[in-house]
Amino acid sequence: MWKILETIGTKSSENGDIILEEESYLGARITLEKCEKYYTITAGIYGAMVHTVFCDEKSCQKQYQAMKKDIQEFLEQDTVETEALQFCEYFMRKY
């Protein structure tokens, strides 16, 4: 379901170095990057949401996997627009 993109080592939206970036064929992308003083995870569902969180080195991998899992579970469901909006609000509050 997820494909690792060939962007490792390039610069990303927060001007950090991309450590890992994956894209789902169902319409989402998630990026982990190392900035000078922190790590960021930017998650997006195409046409619906982009959300960036800041974390430290200790928690970044665990948080990345949790966010990816939530997005994957959402994408695998049949949803209507209102449910998609509810998920996006839930996701942004959670993370």
N, C-alpha and C. Protein backbone atom coordinates (compact mmCIF):
# COMPACT_ATOMS: atom_id res chain seq x y z
N MET A 1 0.82 -1.20 0.00
CA MET A 1 0.00 0.00 0.00
C MET A 1 0.86 1.26 0.00
N TRP A 2 2.00 1.24 0.66
CA TRP A 2 2.88 2.41 0.75
C TRP A 2 4.16 2.16 -0.05
N LYS A 3 4.57 3.18 -0.77
CA LYS A 3 5.80 3.11 -1.56
C LYS A 3 6.79 4.12 -0.99
N ILE A 4 8.01 3.67 -0.73
CA ILE A 4 9.05 4.59 -0.27
C ILE A 4 9.52 5.40 -1.48
N LEU A 5 9.51 6.72 -1.31
CA LEU A 5 9.91 7.61 -2.39
C LEU A 5 11.42 7.83 -2.37
N GLU A 6 11.96 8.17 -3.50
CA GLU A 6 13.41 8.38 -3.64
C GLU A 6 13.78 9.83 -3.34
N THR A 7 13.42 10.28 -2.15
CA THR A 7 13.67 11.67 -1.76
C THR A 7 14.58 11.78 -0.54
N ILE A 8 15.06 10.66 -0.02
CA ILE A 8 15.89 10.68 1.18
C ILE A 8 17.12 11.55 0.94
N GLY A 9 17.37 12.46 1.90
CA GLY A 9 18.51 13.37 1.81
C GLY A 9 18.21 14.69 1.14
N THR A 10 17.05 14.82 0.50
CA THR A 10 16.69 16.09 -0.12
C THR A 10 15.99 16.98 0.90
N LYS A 11 15.82 18.24 0.57
CA LYS A 11 15.15 19.20 1.45
C LYS A 11 13.65 19.09 1.29
N SER A 12 12.93 19.37 2.38
CA SER A 12 11.47 19.29 2.35
C SER A 12 10.85 20.59 2.82
N SER A 13 9.56 20.56 3.13
CA SER A 13 8.78 21.76 3.42
C SER A 13 9.28 22.56 4.60
N GLU A 14 9.87 21.92 5.59
CA GLU A 14 10.38 22.64 6.76
C GLU A 14 11.88 22.92 6.64
N ASN A 15 12.43 22.74 5.43
CA ASN A 15 13.83 22.98 5.11
C ASN A 15 14.77 22.03 5.85
N GLY A 16 14.27 20.87 6.21
CA GLY A 16 15.11 19.85 6.82
C GLY A 16 15.46 18.79 5.79
N ASP A 17 16.23 17.82 6.22
CA ASP A 17 16.62 16.71 5.35
C ASP A 17 15.60 15.59 5.50
N ILE A 18 15.10 15.11 4.39
CA ILE A 18 14.13 14.01 4.41
C ILE A 18 14.83 12.73 4.84
N ILE A 19 14.27 12.10 5.86
CA ILE A 19 14.76 10.81 6.36
C ILE A 19 13.96 9.68 5.74
N LEU A 20 12.66 9.90 5.61
CA LEU A 20 11.77 8.88 5.05
C LEU A 20 10.55 9.58 4.47
N GLU A 21 10.15 9.15 3.29
CA GLU A 21 8.94 9.69 2.67
C GLU A 21 8.24 8.56 1.94
N GLU A 22 6.96 8.40 2.23
CA GLU A 22 6.18 7.32 1.63
C GLU A 22 4.89 7.88 1.05
N GLU A 23 4.42 7.21 0.00
CA GLU A 23 3.18 7.61 -0.64
C GLU A 23 2.28 6.39 -0.80
N SER A 24 1.01 6.58 -0.49
CA SER A 24 0.02 5.52 -0.64
C SER A 24 -0.66 5.65 -2.00
N TYR A 25 -0.86 4.55 -2.65
CA TYR A 25 -1.58 4.58 -3.92
C TYR A 25 -3.05 4.97 -3.73
N LEU A 26 -3.52 4.98 -2.47
CA LEU A 26 -4.89 5.41 -2.19
C LEU A 26 -5.02 6.93 -2.04
N GLY A 27 -3.88 7.65 -2.09
CA GLY A 27 -3.95 9.11 -2.11
C GLY A 27 -3.47 9.81 -0.86
N ALA A 28 -2.29 9.44 -0.38
CA ALA A 28 -1.73 10.10 0.80
C ALA A 28 -0.21 10.06 0.74
N ARG A 29 0.40 10.93 1.52
CA ARG A 29 1.86 10.99 1.61
C ARG A 29 2.23 11.34 3.04
N ILE A 30 3.34 10.78 3.51
CA ILE A 30 3.85 11.11 4.83
C ILE A 30 5.37 11.25 4.74
N THR A 31 5.89 12.29 5.38
CA THR A 31 7.31 12.62 5.29
C THR A 31 7.88 12.86 6.68
N LEU A 32 9.02 12.24 6.96
CA LEU A 32 9.76 12.48 8.19
C LEU A 32 11.03 13.22 7.81
N GLU A 33 11.26 14.36 8.47
CA GLU A 33 12.47 15.10 8.17
C GLU A 33 13.18 15.56 9.43
N LYS A 34 14.48 15.68 9.32
CA LYS A 34 15.32 16.16 10.42
C LYS A 34 15.71 17.59 10.12
N CYS A 35 15.28 18.47 10.99
CA CYS A 35 15.65 19.87 10.88
C CYS A 35 16.81 20.12 11.84
N GLU A 36 17.26 21.36 11.92
CA GLU A 36 18.43 21.67 12.75
C GLU A 36 18.22 21.32 14.22
N LYS A 37 17.04 21.67 14.78
CA LYS A 37 16.82 21.48 16.22
C LYS A 37 15.65 20.56 16.55
N TYR A 38 15.00 20.01 15.57
CA TYR A 38 13.82 19.18 15.81
C TYR A 38 13.56 18.30 14.59
N TYR A 39 12.59 17.44 14.72
CA TYR A 39 12.12 16.60 13.63
C TYR A 39 10.69 17.02 13.29
N THR A 40 10.30 16.85 12.04
CA THR A 40 8.91 17.10 11.65
C THR A 40 8.36 15.89 10.90
N ILE A 41 7.06 15.74 11.02
CA ILE A 41 6.33 14.75 10.23
C ILE A 41 5.21 15.52 9.54
N THR A 42 5.21 15.47 8.23
CA THR A 42 4.15 16.10 7.45
C THR A 42 3.34 15.00 6.78
N ALA A 43 2.05 15.00 7.09
CA ALA A 43 1.15 13.98 6.56
C ALA A 43 0.07 14.66 5.74
N GLY A 44 -0.24 14.10 4.60
CA GLY A 44 -1.28 14.67 3.77
C GLY A 44 -2.16 13.61 3.14
N ILE A 45 -3.43 13.94 3.06
CA ILE A 45 -4.39 13.14 2.30
C ILE A 45 -4.79 14.02 1.13
N TYR A 46 -4.51 13.57 -0.06
CA TYR A 46 -4.71 14.39 -1.25
C TYR A 46 -6.14 14.90 -1.34
N GLY A 47 -6.25 16.22 -1.52
CA GLY A 47 -7.55 16.86 -1.66
C GLY A 47 -8.28 17.12 -0.36
N ALA A 48 -7.66 16.77 0.78
CA ALA A 48 -8.39 16.91 2.04
C ALA A 48 -7.60 17.60 3.15
N MET A 49 -6.31 17.28 3.32
CA MET A 49 -5.60 17.73 4.51
C MET A 49 -4.10 17.66 4.31
N VAL A 50 -3.40 18.61 4.92
CA VAL A 50 -1.96 18.53 5.14
C VAL A 50 -1.73 18.97 6.57
N HIS A 51 -0.96 18.19 7.32
CA HIS A 51 -0.74 18.48 8.73
C HIS A 51 0.71 18.19 9.09
N THR A 52 1.37 19.13 9.76
CA THR A 52 2.75 18.97 10.19
C THR A 52 2.82 18.97 11.70
N VAL A 53 3.57 18.02 12.25
CA VAL A 53 3.82 17.97 13.69
C VAL A 53 5.32 18.03 13.93
N PHE A 54 5.68 18.53 15.10
CA PHE A 54 7.07 18.65 15.50
C PHE A 54 7.34 17.66 16.62
N CYS A 55 8.48 17.00 16.58
CA CYS A 55 8.80 16.01 17.61
C CYS A 55 10.31 15.93 17.80
N ASP A 56 10.70 15.15 18.79
CA ASP A 56 12.13 14.98 19.04
C ASP A 56 12.60 13.65 18.45
N GLU A 57 13.91 13.45 18.49
CA GLU A 57 14.50 12.25 17.89
C GLU A 57 13.97 10.97 18.54
N LYS A 58 13.75 11.03 19.85
CA LYS A 58 13.33 9.86 20.60
C LYS A 58 11.95 9.35 20.16
N SER A 59 11.04 10.26 19.83
CA SER A 59 9.66 9.87 19.54
C SER A 59 9.28 9.90 18.06
N CYS A 60 10.15 10.39 17.20
CA CYS A 60 9.74 10.64 15.81
C CYS A 60 9.36 9.37 15.04
N GLN A 61 10.08 8.29 15.19
CA GLN A 61 9.75 7.07 14.45
C GLN A 61 8.42 6.47 14.90
N LYS A 62 8.22 6.45 16.21
CA LYS A 62 6.97 5.90 16.76
C LYS A 62 5.77 6.74 16.31
N GLN A 63 5.93 8.06 16.36
CA GLN A 63 4.84 8.95 15.95
C GLN A 63 4.57 8.82 14.45
N TYR A 64 5.62 8.72 13.66
CA TYR A 64 5.48 8.54 12.21
C TYR A 64 4.64 7.29 11.92
N GLN A 65 4.98 6.19 12.55
CA GLN A 65 4.26 4.93 12.31
C GLN A 65 2.80 5.02 12.77
N ALA A 66 2.55 5.68 13.90
CA ALA A 66 1.18 5.83 14.39
C ALA A 66 0.34 6.68 13.43
N MET A 67 0.91 7.77 12.94
CA MET A 67 0.19 8.63 12.00
C MET A 67 -0.09 7.88 10.70
N LYS A 68 0.89 7.17 10.21
CA LYS A 68 0.74 6.40 8.98
C LYS A 68 -0.36 5.35 9.14
N LYS A 69 -0.38 4.68 10.27
CA LYS A 69 -1.40 3.65 10.54
C LYS A 69 -2.80 4.26 10.53
N ASP A 70 -2.97 5.41 11.20
CA ASP A 70 -4.29 6.07 11.23
C ASP A 70 -4.73 6.46 9.82
N ILE A 71 -3.82 7.01 9.04
CA ILE A 71 -4.16 7.40 7.67
C ILE A 71 -4.53 6.17 6.84
N GLN A 72 -3.75 5.11 6.97
CA GLN A 72 -4.04 3.90 6.21
C GLN A 72 -5.41 3.34 6.55
N GLU A 73 -5.74 3.28 7.84
CA GLU A 73 -7.06 2.77 8.25
C GLU A 73 -8.18 3.62 7.67
N PHE A 74 -7.99 4.94 7.66
CA PHE A 74 -8.99 5.83 7.08
C PHE A 74 -9.14 5.59 5.58
N LEU A 75 -8.03 5.50 4.87
CA LEU A 75 -8.08 5.34 3.42
C LEU A 75 -8.73 4.03 2.99
N GLU A 76 -8.65 3.03 3.82
CA GLU A 76 -9.21 1.72 3.48
C GLU A 76 -10.73 1.66 3.66
N GLN A 77 -11.32 2.70 4.23
CA GLN A 77 -12.76 2.74 4.46
C GLN A 77 -13.47 3.45 3.31
N ASP A 78 -14.71 3.09 3.10
CA ASP A 78 -15.57 3.85 2.20
C ASP A 78 -16.17 4.98 3.03
N THR A 79 -15.86 6.22 2.68
CA THR A 79 -16.36 7.35 3.46
C THR A 79 -17.04 8.36 2.55
N VAL A 80 -17.93 9.13 3.16
CA VAL A 80 -18.52 10.27 2.48
C VAL A 80 -17.77 11.51 2.94
N GLU A 81 -18.02 12.63 2.30
CA GLU A 81 -17.26 13.85 2.57
C GLU A 81 -17.31 14.26 4.04
N THR A 82 -18.46 14.17 4.68
CA THR A 82 -18.55 14.58 6.09
C THR A 82 -17.69 13.69 6.98
N GLU A 83 -17.62 12.41 6.67
CA GLU A 83 -16.77 11.51 7.45
C GLU A 83 -15.29 11.82 7.23
N ALA A 84 -14.94 12.20 6.02
CA ALA A 84 -13.56 12.58 5.73
C ALA A 84 -13.18 13.82 6.53
N LEU A 85 -14.08 14.80 6.57
CA LEU A 85 -13.82 16.01 7.36
C LEU A 85 -13.68 15.68 8.83
N GLN A 86 -14.53 14.81 9.33
CA GLN A 86 -14.44 14.40 10.74
C GLN A 86 -13.12 13.71 11.03
N PHE A 87 -12.67 12.86 10.12
CA PHE A 87 -11.38 12.20 10.32
C PHE A 87 -10.25 13.22 10.35
N CYS A 88 -10.26 14.17 9.42
CA CYS A 88 -9.20 15.18 9.38
C CYS A 88 -9.15 15.98 10.67
N GLU A 89 -10.30 16.38 11.18
CA GLU A 89 -10.35 17.11 12.45
C GLU A 89 -9.82 16.25 13.59
N TYR A 90 -10.25 14.99 13.64
CA TYR A 90 -9.78 14.06 14.66
C TYR A 90 -8.25 13.90 14.58
N PHE A 91 -7.74 13.70 13.39
CA PHE A 91 -6.31 13.47 13.17
C PHE A 91 -5.50 14.68 13.64
N MET A 92 -5.95 15.88 13.28
CA MET A 92 -5.20 17.09 13.65
C MET A 92 -5.27 17.35 15.15
N ARG A 93 -6.36 16.99 15.81
CA ARG A 93 -6.42 17.13 17.27
C ARG A 93 -5.52 16.10 17.94
N LYS A 94 -5.53 14.89 17.42
CA LYS A 94 -4.73 13.81 18.01
C LYS A 94 -3.24 14.08 17.88
N TYR A 95 -2.84 14.60 16.74
CA TYR A 95 -1.42 14.83 16.48
C TYR A 95 -1.10 16.31 16.43
